Amino acid sequence: MSIWSANGKPIIFLLRLQSYNATWIFSNRATSMEHQGSSASDHVSSVLMAEALAVRAALQSAIPLDISTIKVNSDNQTLIRVINGETHDNEIYVVAHDIGNLSALFASISFVHVSSVQNIRADTIVKTTLRAFNSACNGPPLD
């Protein structure tokens, strides 16, 4: 049994994205377990591509954690519609295809659009990650 399961029942996990930086939070409310990851994408063509890459990275990171059931929440409606096959976007076609292939590795997976208000926690983590990234790249501020 996975450490992410509660009494052997599937647990839903969340992924939240914003801007060119993404944060994923795998959260099991039944056991209060949590795992966070983040990525910063600075050489991509758009926010849509950055978030598609982040979804792919989050799904890849869920596999070694033995997560079998996942619910992916994003405030990017276009991304969710492309992943769910409701629309097509040439820019992220290959990454969306990869996400589809990774999805087959989960017993249950869903992709849901949520409002940006529901992404406040992830937004805070993204901003912290971005500050740390900028500080590492730019060094200490000059006086």
N, C-alpha and C. Protein backbone atom coordinates (compact mmCIF):
# COMPACT_ATOMS: atom_id res chain seq x y z
N MET A 1 0.84 -1.18 0.00
CA MET A 1 0.00 0.00 0.00
C MET A 1 0.88 1.25 0.00
N SER A 2 0.51 2.25 -0.75
CA SER A 2 1.25 3.50 -0.85
C SER A 2 1.14 4.29 0.45
N ILE A 3 2.21 5.00 0.79
CA ILE A 3 2.15 5.88 1.96
C ILE A 3 1.17 7.02 1.72
N TRP A 4 0.75 7.20 0.48
CA TRP A 4 -0.19 8.27 0.15
C TRP A 4 -1.63 7.83 0.27
N SER A 5 -1.86 6.57 0.60
CA SER A 5 -3.23 6.07 0.71
C SER A 5 -3.74 6.19 2.13
N ALA A 6 -5.02 6.33 2.25
CA ALA A 6 -5.68 6.33 3.55
C ALA A 6 -6.60 5.12 3.56
N ASN A 7 -6.27 4.13 4.36
CA ASN A 7 -7.06 2.91 4.42
C ASN A 7 -7.21 2.25 3.06
N GLY A 8 -6.18 2.37 2.22
CA GLY A 8 -6.20 1.75 0.90
C GLY A 8 -7.09 2.45 -0.11
N LYS A 9 -7.70 3.57 0.24
CA LYS A 9 -8.58 4.29 -0.67
C LYS A 9 -7.80 5.33 -1.47
N PRO A 10 -8.20 5.57 -2.71
CA PRO A 10 -7.50 6.58 -3.51
C PRO A 10 -7.63 7.97 -2.89
N ILE A 11 -6.60 8.75 -3.04
CA ILE A 11 -6.56 10.11 -2.52
C ILE A 11 -6.40 11.06 -3.70
N ILE A 12 -6.98 12.22 -3.58
CA ILE A 12 -6.89 13.21 -4.64
C ILE A 12 -5.77 14.19 -4.31
N PHE A 13 -4.98 14.52 -5.30
CA PHE A 13 -3.86 15.44 -5.15
C PHE A 13 -4.11 16.65 -6.03
N LEU A 14 -3.48 17.75 -5.71
CA LEU A 14 -3.72 18.99 -6.41
C LEU A 14 -2.46 19.51 -7.08
N LEU A 15 -2.62 20.14 -8.22
CA LEU A 15 -1.52 20.82 -8.88
C LEU A 15 -1.99 22.22 -9.18
N ARG A 16 -1.16 23.19 -8.86
CA ARG A 16 -1.56 24.57 -9.08
C ARG A 16 -0.45 25.31 -9.80
N LEU A 17 -0.84 26.14 -10.75
CA LEU A 17 0.12 26.80 -11.61
C LEU A 17 -0.15 28.29 -11.69
N GLN A 18 0.90 29.06 -11.94
CA GLN A 18 0.73 30.48 -12.19
C GLN A 18 1.95 31.01 -12.93
N SER A 19 1.69 31.79 -13.95
CA SER A 19 2.72 32.49 -14.71
C SER A 19 3.77 31.54 -15.27
N TYR A 20 5.02 31.99 -15.38
CA TYR A 20 6.09 31.17 -15.91
C TYR A 20 6.69 30.26 -14.85
N ASN A 21 6.19 30.36 -13.65
CA ASN A 21 6.66 29.55 -12.54
C ASN A 21 5.51 28.68 -12.07
N ALA A 22 5.82 27.46 -11.72
CA ALA A 22 4.75 26.54 -11.36
C ALA A 22 5.09 25.86 -10.05
N THR A 23 4.06 25.56 -9.31
CA THR A 23 4.18 24.82 -8.06
C THR A 23 3.17 23.70 -8.09
N TRP A 24 3.62 22.51 -7.71
CA TRP A 24 2.66 21.44 -7.56
C TRP A 24 2.66 21.02 -6.10
N ILE A 25 1.49 20.72 -5.63
CA ILE A 25 1.30 20.31 -4.24
C ILE A 25 0.50 19.02 -4.27
N PHE A 26 1.13 17.93 -3.84
CA PHE A 26 0.41 16.68 -3.70
C PHE A 26 -0.06 16.65 -2.25
N SER A 27 -1.35 16.67 -2.06
CA SER A 27 -1.91 16.81 -0.72
C SER A 27 -2.89 15.69 -0.43
N ASN A 28 -2.67 15.02 0.69
CA ASN A 28 -3.57 13.98 1.16
C ASN A 28 -4.19 14.48 2.45
N ARG A 29 -5.41 14.97 2.36
CA ARG A 29 -6.06 15.56 3.54
C ARG A 29 -6.37 14.51 4.60
N ALA A 30 -6.57 13.27 4.20
CA ALA A 30 -6.89 12.21 5.17
C ALA A 30 -5.72 11.92 6.10
N THR A 31 -4.50 12.00 5.58
CA THR A 31 -3.32 11.68 6.40
C THR A 31 -2.46 12.91 6.67
N SER A 32 -2.87 14.06 6.17
CA SER A 32 -2.12 15.32 6.31
C SER A 32 -0.74 15.26 5.67
N MET A 33 -0.51 14.31 4.77
CA MET A 33 0.77 14.23 4.06
C MET A 33 0.77 15.23 2.91
N GLU A 34 1.94 15.77 2.64
CA GLU A 34 2.07 16.74 1.57
C GLU A 34 3.45 16.64 0.94
N HIS A 35 3.50 16.87 -0.36
CA HIS A 35 4.76 16.92 -1.09
C HIS A 35 4.65 18.07 -2.06
N GLN A 36 5.68 18.93 -2.09
CA GLN A 36 5.66 20.09 -2.97
C GLN A 36 6.83 20.05 -3.94
N GLY A 37 6.61 20.58 -5.10
CA GLY A 37 7.67 20.75 -6.07
C GLY A 37 7.42 22.02 -6.84
N SER A 38 8.43 22.54 -7.49
CA SER A 38 8.24 23.75 -8.28
C SER A 38 9.26 23.80 -9.41
N SER A 39 8.94 24.60 -10.40
CA SER A 39 9.86 24.80 -11.50
C SER A 39 9.73 26.22 -12.02
N ALA A 40 10.82 26.76 -12.49
CA ALA A 40 10.83 28.08 -13.11
C ALA A 40 11.25 27.89 -14.56
N SER A 41 10.47 28.43 -15.46
CA SER A 41 10.75 28.31 -16.90
C SER A 41 11.00 29.70 -17.46
N ASP A 42 12.23 29.96 -17.86
CA ASP A 42 12.52 31.29 -18.38
C ASP A 42 12.79 31.31 -19.89
N HIS A 43 12.90 30.17 -20.52
CA HIS A 43 13.16 30.14 -21.97
C HIS A 43 12.07 29.36 -22.69
N VAL A 44 10.83 29.77 -22.49
CA VAL A 44 9.71 29.14 -23.16
C VAL A 44 8.93 30.20 -23.93
N SER A 45 8.10 29.75 -24.84
CA SER A 45 7.42 30.67 -25.74
C SER A 45 6.23 31.40 -25.13
N SER A 46 5.65 30.84 -24.06
CA SER A 46 4.46 31.46 -23.49
C SER A 46 4.16 30.89 -22.11
N VAL A 47 3.22 31.54 -21.44
CA VAL A 47 2.74 31.03 -20.15
C VAL A 47 2.11 29.66 -20.35
N LEU A 48 1.36 29.50 -21.43
CA LEU A 48 0.71 28.22 -21.71
C LEU A 48 1.74 27.10 -21.80
N MET A 49 2.82 27.32 -22.52
CA MET A 49 3.87 26.30 -22.63
C MET A 49 4.53 26.04 -21.28
N ALA A 50 4.81 27.09 -20.52
CA ALA A 50 5.44 26.91 -19.21
C ALA A 50 4.57 26.06 -18.30
N GLU A 51 3.29 26.30 -18.33
CA GLU A 51 2.39 25.55 -17.46
C GLU A 51 2.19 24.12 -17.95
N ALA A 52 2.19 23.92 -19.26
CA ALA A 52 2.11 22.56 -19.79
C ALA A 52 3.35 21.76 -19.37
N LEU A 53 4.52 22.39 -19.46
CA LEU A 53 5.75 21.73 -19.03
C LEU A 53 5.71 21.42 -17.53
N ALA A 54 5.12 22.31 -16.76
CA ALA A 54 5.01 22.08 -15.32
C ALA A 54 4.08 20.92 -14.99
N VAL A 55 2.97 20.80 -15.72
CA VAL A 55 2.07 19.66 -15.51
C VAL A 55 2.81 18.36 -15.80
N ARG A 56 3.54 18.36 -16.90
CA ARG A 56 4.31 17.16 -17.25
C ARG A 56 5.32 16.83 -16.15
N ALA A 57 6.04 17.83 -15.66
CA ALA A 57 7.03 17.61 -14.60
C ALA A 57 6.37 17.12 -13.31
N ALA A 58 5.23 17.68 -12.98
CA ALA A 58 4.53 17.26 -11.76
C ALA A 58 4.07 15.81 -11.87
N LEU A 59 3.53 15.43 -13.02
CA LEU A 59 3.10 14.04 -13.19
C LEU A 59 4.30 13.10 -13.12
N GLN A 60 5.41 13.52 -13.72
CA GLN A 60 6.62 12.70 -13.65
C GLN A 60 7.10 12.56 -12.21
N SER A 61 6.95 13.59 -11.41
CA SER A 61 7.39 13.51 -10.01
C SER A 61 6.42 12.71 -9.16
N ALA A 62 5.17 12.56 -9.59
CA ALA A 62 4.19 11.79 -8.82
C ALA A 62 4.42 10.28 -8.95
N ILE A 63 4.99 9.86 -10.06
CA ILE A 63 5.16 8.43 -10.32
C ILE A 63 6.05 7.76 -9.28
N PRO A 64 7.25 8.27 -8.97
CA PRO A 64 8.08 7.60 -7.96
C PRO A 64 7.50 7.68 -6.54
N LEU A 65 6.53 8.58 -6.33
CA LEU A 65 5.88 8.67 -5.02
C LEU A 65 4.78 7.64 -4.86
N ASP A 66 4.57 6.84 -5.91
CA ASP A 66 3.55 5.80 -5.90
C ASP A 66 2.14 6.37 -5.74
N ILE A 67 1.93 7.53 -6.35
CA ILE A 67 0.60 8.15 -6.35
C ILE A 67 -0.17 7.54 -7.51
N SER A 68 -1.34 7.00 -7.22
CA SER A 68 -2.11 6.34 -8.28
C SER A 68 -3.34 7.13 -8.71
N THR A 69 -3.81 8.03 -7.86
CA THR A 69 -4.99 8.83 -8.16
C THR A 69 -4.61 10.30 -8.00
N ILE A 70 -4.92 11.08 -9.01
CA ILE A 70 -4.52 12.49 -8.96
C ILE A 70 -5.58 13.37 -9.61
N LYS A 71 -5.78 14.51 -9.03
CA LYS A 71 -6.66 15.53 -9.59
C LYS A 71 -5.80 16.75 -9.85
N VAL A 72 -5.70 17.17 -11.09
CA VAL A 72 -4.86 18.29 -11.47
C VAL A 72 -5.73 19.53 -11.59
N ASN A 73 -5.49 20.50 -10.72
CA ASN A 73 -6.21 21.77 -10.76
C ASN A 73 -5.30 22.83 -11.33
N SER A 74 -5.83 23.63 -12.24
CA SER A 74 -5.06 24.74 -12.80
C SER A 74 -5.98 25.91 -13.05
N ASP A 75 -5.44 27.13 -12.89
CA ASP A 75 -6.24 28.31 -13.20
C ASP A 75 -6.10 28.71 -14.67
N ASN A 76 -5.40 27.89 -15.46
CA ASN A 76 -5.26 28.15 -16.89
C ASN A 76 -6.29 27.31 -17.65
N GLN A 77 -7.40 27.96 -17.99
CA GLN A 77 -8.50 27.25 -18.63
C GLN A 77 -8.11 26.67 -19.99
N THR A 78 -7.31 27.39 -20.76
CA THR A 78 -6.88 26.89 -22.07
C THR A 78 -6.09 25.60 -21.91
N LEU A 79 -5.16 25.58 -20.96
CA LEU A 79 -4.37 24.38 -20.71
C LEU A 79 -5.26 23.19 -20.39
N ILE A 80 -6.18 23.37 -19.48
CA ILE A 80 -7.07 22.28 -19.08
C ILE A 80 -7.91 21.80 -20.26
N ARG A 81 -8.41 22.72 -21.07
CA ARG A 81 -9.22 22.33 -22.23
C ARG A 81 -8.39 21.55 -23.25
N VAL A 82 -7.13 21.93 -23.46
CA VAL A 82 -6.27 21.20 -24.40
C VAL A 82 -5.98 19.80 -23.85
N ILE A 83 -5.61 19.71 -22.59
CA ILE A 83 -5.30 18.41 -21.99
C ILE A 83 -6.51 17.49 -22.03
N ASN A 84 -7.70 18.04 -21.79
CA ASN A 84 -8.93 17.23 -21.81
C ASN A 84 -9.44 16.95 -23.22
N GLY A 85 -8.73 17.43 -24.24
CA GLY A 85 -9.12 17.15 -25.62
C GLY A 85 -10.30 17.97 -26.10
N GLU A 86 -10.63 19.04 -25.40
CA GLU A 86 -11.77 19.88 -25.78
C GLU A 86 -11.40 20.88 -26.86
N THR A 87 -10.12 21.15 -26.99
CA THR A 87 -9.63 22.07 -28.02
C THR A 87 -8.22 21.64 -28.39
N HIS A 88 -7.67 22.26 -29.42
CA HIS A 88 -6.33 21.90 -29.91
C HIS A 88 -5.46 23.16 -29.90
N ASP A 89 -4.20 23.00 -29.54
CA ASP A 89 -3.25 24.11 -29.58
C ASP A 89 -1.92 23.58 -30.11
N ASN A 90 -1.52 24.05 -31.28
CA ASN A 90 -0.28 23.55 -31.91
C ASN A 90 0.96 23.79 -31.05
N GLU A 91 0.96 24.89 -30.30
CA GLU A 91 2.14 25.24 -29.51
C GLU A 91 2.48 24.17 -28.48
N ILE A 92 1.47 23.59 -27.84
CA ILE A 92 1.74 22.61 -26.78
C ILE A 92 1.34 21.19 -27.16
N TYR A 93 1.17 20.97 -28.43
CA TYR A 93 0.70 19.65 -28.90
C TYR A 93 1.57 18.51 -28.37
N VAL A 94 2.88 18.61 -28.51
CA VAL A 94 3.78 17.52 -28.11
C VAL A 94 3.74 17.33 -26.59
N VAL A 95 3.76 18.42 -25.84
CA VAL A 95 3.73 18.32 -24.38
C VAL A 95 2.39 17.76 -23.91
N ALA A 96 1.29 18.18 -24.54
CA ALA A 96 -0.03 17.65 -24.20
C ALA A 96 -0.09 16.15 -24.49
N HIS A 97 0.54 15.74 -25.57
CA HIS A 97 0.60 14.32 -25.91
C HIS A 97 1.38 13.55 -24.83
N ASP A 98 2.50 14.12 -24.37
CA ASP A 98 3.27 13.51 -23.28
C ASP A 98 2.42 13.38 -22.02
N ILE A 99 1.65 14.42 -21.71
CA ILE A 99 0.78 14.40 -20.53
C ILE A 99 -0.25 13.29 -20.67
N GLY A 100 -0.78 13.12 -21.87
CA GLY A 100 -1.72 12.02 -22.11
C GLY A 100 -1.09 10.67 -21.87
N ASN A 101 0.15 10.49 -22.34
CA ASN A 101 0.85 9.22 -22.12
C ASN A 101 1.12 8.99 -20.64
N LEU A 102 1.53 10.03 -19.92
CA LEU A 102 1.77 9.90 -18.48
C LEU A 102 0.47 9.60 -17.73
N SER A 103 -0.62 10.16 -18.21
CA SER A 103 -1.92 9.96 -17.56
C SER A 103 -2.31 8.48 -17.51
N ALA A 104 -1.87 7.74 -18.51
CA ALA A 104 -2.20 6.31 -18.56
C ALA A 104 -1.54 5.53 -17.43
N LEU A 105 -0.54 6.12 -16.77
CA LEU A 105 0.16 5.44 -15.68
C LEU A 105 -0.56 5.56 -14.35
N PHE A 106 -1.62 6.35 -14.29
CA PHE A 106 -2.39 6.54 -13.06
C PHE A 106 -3.70 5.76 -13.14
N ALA A 107 -4.12 5.24 -12.00
CA ALA A 107 -5.39 4.51 -11.95
C ALA A 107 -6.55 5.46 -12.23
N SER A 108 -6.43 6.68 -11.74
CA SER A 108 -7.46 7.68 -11.95
C SER A 108 -6.80 9.05 -12.02
N ILE A 109 -7.18 9.84 -13.01
CA ILE A 109 -6.62 11.18 -13.16
C ILE A 109 -7.67 12.08 -13.77
N SER A 110 -7.73 13.32 -13.29
CA SER A 110 -8.63 14.31 -13.87
C SER A 110 -7.93 15.66 -13.91
N PHE A 111 -8.35 16.48 -14.86
CA PHE A 111 -7.78 17.81 -15.05
C PHE A 111 -8.93 18.80 -14.95
N VAL A 112 -8.84 19.73 -13.99
CA VAL A 112 -9.96 20.61 -13.67
C VAL A 112 -9.50 22.06 -13.64
N HIS A 113 -10.32 22.94 -14.24
CA HIS A 113 -10.05 24.37 -14.15
C HIS A 113 -10.59 24.89 -12.82
N VAL A 114 -9.76 25.66 -12.12
CA VAL A 114 -10.18 26.32 -10.88
C VAL A 114 -9.87 27.81 -11.00
N SER A 115 -10.57 28.62 -10.24
CA SER A 115 -10.32 30.06 -10.29
C SER A 115 -8.98 30.38 -9.65
N SER A 116 -8.41 31.51 -10.03
CA SER A 116 -7.12 31.90 -9.46
C SER A 116 -7.21 32.16 -7.97
N VAL A 117 -8.40 32.47 -7.46
CA VAL A 117 -8.59 32.66 -6.02
C VAL A 117 -8.29 31.36 -5.27
N GLN A 118 -8.58 30.23 -5.90
CA GLN A 118 -8.32 28.94 -5.28
C GLN A 118 -6.85 28.55 -5.34
N ASN A 119 -6.02 29.37 -5.99
CA ASN A 119 -4.60 29.08 -6.15
C ASN A 119 -3.72 29.93 -5.23
N ILE A 120 -4.29 30.52 -4.19
CA ILE A 120 -3.54 31.44 -3.33
C ILE A 120 -2.34 30.76 -2.69
N ARG A 121 -2.50 29.56 -2.16
CA ARG A 121 -1.39 28.87 -1.49
C ARG A 121 -0.25 28.60 -2.47
N ALA A 122 -0.59 28.08 -3.64
CA ALA A 122 0.44 27.81 -4.65
C ALA A 122 1.09 29.11 -5.12
N ASP A 123 0.29 30.17 -5.23
CA ASP A 123 0.83 31.46 -5.64
C ASP A 123 1.90 31.93 -4.66
N THR A 124 1.66 31.75 -3.38
CA THR A 124 2.64 32.14 -2.36
C THR A 124 3.94 31.35 -2.52
N ILE A 125 3.83 30.05 -2.76
CA ILE A 125 5.02 29.21 -2.94
C ILE A 125 5.76 29.61 -4.21
N VAL A 126 5.03 29.90 -5.29
CA VAL A 126 5.65 30.31 -6.54
C VAL A 126 6.43 31.61 -6.34
N LYS A 127 5.84 32.56 -5.65
CA LYS A 127 6.52 33.84 -5.42
C LYS A 127 7.78 33.65 -4.59
N THR A 128 7.74 32.78 -3.60
CA THR A 128 8.92 32.49 -2.78
C THR A 128 10.01 31.85 -3.63
N THR A 129 9.62 30.90 -4.47
CA THR A 129 10.57 30.23 -5.36
C THR A 129 11.20 31.23 -6.32
N LEU A 130 10.37 32.09 -6.89
CA LEU A 130 10.86 33.09 -7.83
C LEU A 130 11.84 34.05 -7.16
N ARG A 131 11.54 34.49 -5.94
CA ARG A 131 12.46 35.37 -5.21
C ARG A 131 13.80 34.69 -5.00
N ALA A 132 13.76 33.42 -4.59
CA ALA A 132 15.01 32.67 -4.36
C ALA A 132 15.78 32.50 -5.67
N PHE A 133 15.07 32.20 -6.75
CA PHE A 133 15.70 32.03 -8.07
C PHE A 133 16.36 33.33 -8.51
N ASN A 134 15.63 34.44 -8.39
CA ASN A 134 16.18 35.74 -8.79
C ASN A 134 17.37 36.12 -7.93
N SER A 135 17.30 35.85 -6.65
CA SER A 135 18.40 36.16 -5.74
C SER A 135 19.64 35.35 -6.11
N ALA A 136 19.48 34.08 -6.43
CA ALA A 136 20.61 33.21 -6.80
C ALA A 136 21.23 33.67 -8.11
N CYS A 137 20.41 34.13 -9.04
CA CYS A 137 20.93 34.55 -10.35
C CYS A 137 21.57 35.94 -10.30
N ASN A 138 21.00 36.81 -9.51
CA ASN A 138 21.43 38.20 -9.50
C ASN A 138 22.38 38.55 -8.36
N GLY A 139 22.52 37.67 -7.41
CA GLY A 139 23.37 37.96 -6.26
C GLY A 139 22.69 38.91 -5.30
N PRO A 140 23.39 39.32 -4.27
CA PRO A 140 22.77 40.23 -3.28
C PRO A 140 22.53 41.60 -3.90
N PRO A 141 21.51 42.30 -3.41
CA PRO A 141 21.23 43.62 -3.95
C PRO A 141 22.38 44.58 -3.67
N LEU A 142 22.63 45.47 -4.61
CA LEU A 142 23.69 46.45 -4.46
C LEU A 142 23.18 47.62 -3.61
N ASP A 143 24.05 48.14 -2.74
CA ASP A 143 23.66 49.29 -1.91
C ASP A 143 24.00 50.58 -2.59
